[in-house]
Amino acid sequence: MSAPRRDELPLADYDHLPVPALRDRIRSLTTEELEQLLAYEQEHADRLPVVMAMHTRLEELKQGATPTSGRHDIRPEQPGGTRHGSAISGEETKGASPPPHGVPAQPGRPKGDRWS
């Protein structure tokens, strides 16, 4: 089977999808669509994890699995809201004691002077 052109692929934006998204999305493809995508992948990027995932899915389809609708609205390739960083703003830290080792504007005190 010859590889289809990019605009003939069964998945929109195929070239921009990361491997985790592809693994989910190929579950919605028929055997024929997956074979088209595999031919395209092998002719272009030929990424081993993608090719292996496609071969695995083809085997599942040959053993009787059916395409699922999948959740194409979930896009792990796009960052969502993150929970990284501190939830404390600068306003909430006013009045806090400096660390015992000090900060550039306010050096810490030696241990011997701490309790005096």
Protein backbone atom coordinates (compact mmCIF):
# COMPACT_ATOMS: atom_id res chain seq x y z
CA MET A 1 0.00 0.00 0.00
CA SER A 2 1.39 3.39 -0.91
CA ALA A 3 1.43 6.10 1.72
CA PRO A 4 -1.38 8.65 1.52
CA ARG A 5 -0.75 12.36 1.34
CA ARG A 6 -0.94 14.38 4.56
CA ASP A 7 -4.36 15.81 3.67
CA GLU A 8 -5.70 12.27 3.14
CA LEU A 9 -4.81 11.01 6.61
CA PRO A 10 -7.64 9.74 8.83
CA LEU A 11 -6.42 11.81 11.80
CA ALA A 12 -6.35 15.59 11.63
CA ASP A 13 -3.02 17.19 12.59
CA TYR A 14 -1.38 13.76 12.66
CA ASP A 15 2.13 15.17 12.25
CA HIS A 16 1.73 17.33 15.35
CA LEU A 17 0.34 14.71 17.74
CA PRO A 18 2.70 13.31 20.38
CA VAL A 19 2.93 9.56 20.89
CA PRO A 20 0.54 9.38 23.90
CA ALA A 21 -2.17 11.18 21.94
CA LEU A 22 -1.60 8.94 18.92
CA ARG A 23 -1.95 5.80 21.01
CA ASP A 24 -5.38 6.99 22.12
CA ARG A 25 -6.52 8.26 18.74
CA ILE A 26 -5.60 5.17 16.71
CA ARG A 27 -8.11 3.19 18.76
CA SER A 28 -10.89 4.88 16.77
CA LEU A 29 -9.50 3.82 13.37
CA THR A 30 -10.56 0.90 11.20
CA THR A 31 -8.01 -1.58 9.93
CA GLU A 32 -7.85 0.17 6.55
CA GLU A 33 -7.38 3.63 8.11
CA LEU A 34 -4.70 2.34 10.46
CA GLU A 35 -2.85 0.67 7.57
CA GLN A 36 -2.90 4.01 5.70
CA LEU A 37 -1.53 5.81 8.73
CA LEU A 38 1.14 3.15 9.25
CA ALA A 39 2.28 3.46 5.64
CA TYR A 40 2.49 7.25 6.03
CA GLU A 41 4.42 6.94 9.30
CA GLN A 42 6.90 4.45 7.87
CA GLU A 43 7.52 6.62 4.82
CA HIS A 44 7.99 9.83 6.82
CA ALA A 45 9.07 9.89 10.48
CA ASP A 46 9.20 6.11 11.09
CA ARG A 47 9.12 6.53 14.87
CA LEU A 48 9.57 3.15 16.52
CA PRO A 49 7.10 3.72 19.41
CA VAL A 50 4.42 4.86 16.93
CA VAL A 51 5.03 1.98 14.51
CA MET A 52 4.96 -0.52 17.38
CA ALA A 53 1.70 0.94 18.75
CA MET A 54 0.12 0.73 15.31
CA HIS A 55 1.24 -2.87 14.80
CA THR A 56 -0.14 -3.77 18.23
CA ARG A 57 -3.47 -2.12 17.44
CA LEU A 58 -3.64 -3.83 14.03
CA GLU A 59 -3.14 -7.17 15.77
CA GLU A 60 -5.93 -6.34 18.23
CA LEU A 61 -8.25 -5.49 15.32
CA LYS A 62 -7.37 -8.75 13.55
CA GLN A 63 -8.25 -10.62 16.75
CA GLY A 64 -11.73 -9.08 16.83
CA ALA A 65 -11.35 -5.74 18.58
CA THR A 66 -13.58 -2.99 17.23
CA PRO A 67 -12.75 0.69 16.79
CA THR A 68 -13.86 2.82 19.70
CA SER A 69 -15.04 6.39 19.57
CA GLY A 70 -12.17 7.50 21.79
CA ARG A 71 -11.92 10.88 23.51
CA HIS A 72 -10.52 13.22 20.90
CA ASP A 73 -11.42 16.23 23.03
CA ILE A 74 -8.64 15.32 25.47
CA ARG A 75 -5.47 16.81 24.08
CA PRO A 76 -2.43 15.79 26.16
CA GLU A 77 -0.29 17.56 23.61
CA GLN A 78 -1.60 20.93 24.80
CA PRO A 79 -0.70 22.13 28.27
CA GLY A 80 -3.69 22.75 30.47
CA GLY A 81 -3.90 24.52 33.77
CA THR A 82 -1.00 23.46 35.90
CA ARG A 83 -0.68 23.17 39.64
CA HIS A 84 3.01 23.91 39.68
CA GLY A 85 4.61 26.64 41.67
CA SER A 86 3.57 28.29 44.88
CA ALA A 87 -0.01 29.24 45.61
CA ILE A 88 1.27 31.96 47.92
CA SER A 89 1.46 35.43 46.49
CA GLY A 90 3.92 38.11 47.56
CA GLU A 91 1.25 39.78 49.70
CA GLU A 92 0.79 36.68 51.84
CA THR A 93 4.49 36.44 52.66
CA LYS A 94 4.84 39.93 54.19
CA GLY A 95 5.74 39.77 57.84
CA ALA A 96 7.19 36.30 57.55
CA SER A 97 10.47 35.71 59.33
CA PRO A 98 13.56 35.40 57.15
CA PRO A 99 15.19 31.99 57.08
CA PRO A 100 17.80 31.40 59.83
CA HIS A 101 20.64 31.69 57.32
CA GLY A 102 19.38 35.14 56.33
CA VAL A 103 18.69 36.84 53.05
CA PRO A 104 20.90 39.35 51.19
CA ALA A 105 19.08 42.33 52.68
CA GLN A 106 18.97 40.86 56.19
CA PRO A 107 21.79 38.47 57.12
CA GLY A 108 21.09 35.79 59.69
CA ARG A 109 22.44 35.88 63.20
CA PRO A 110 25.12 33.48 64.42
CA LYS A 111 23.79 30.54 66.41
CA GLY A 112 25.42 31.72 69.62
CA ASP A 113 23.37 34.95 69.59
CA ARG A 114 20.03 33.31 68.90
CA TRP A 115 18.75 33.01 72.45
CA SER A 116 20.04 36.23 73.86
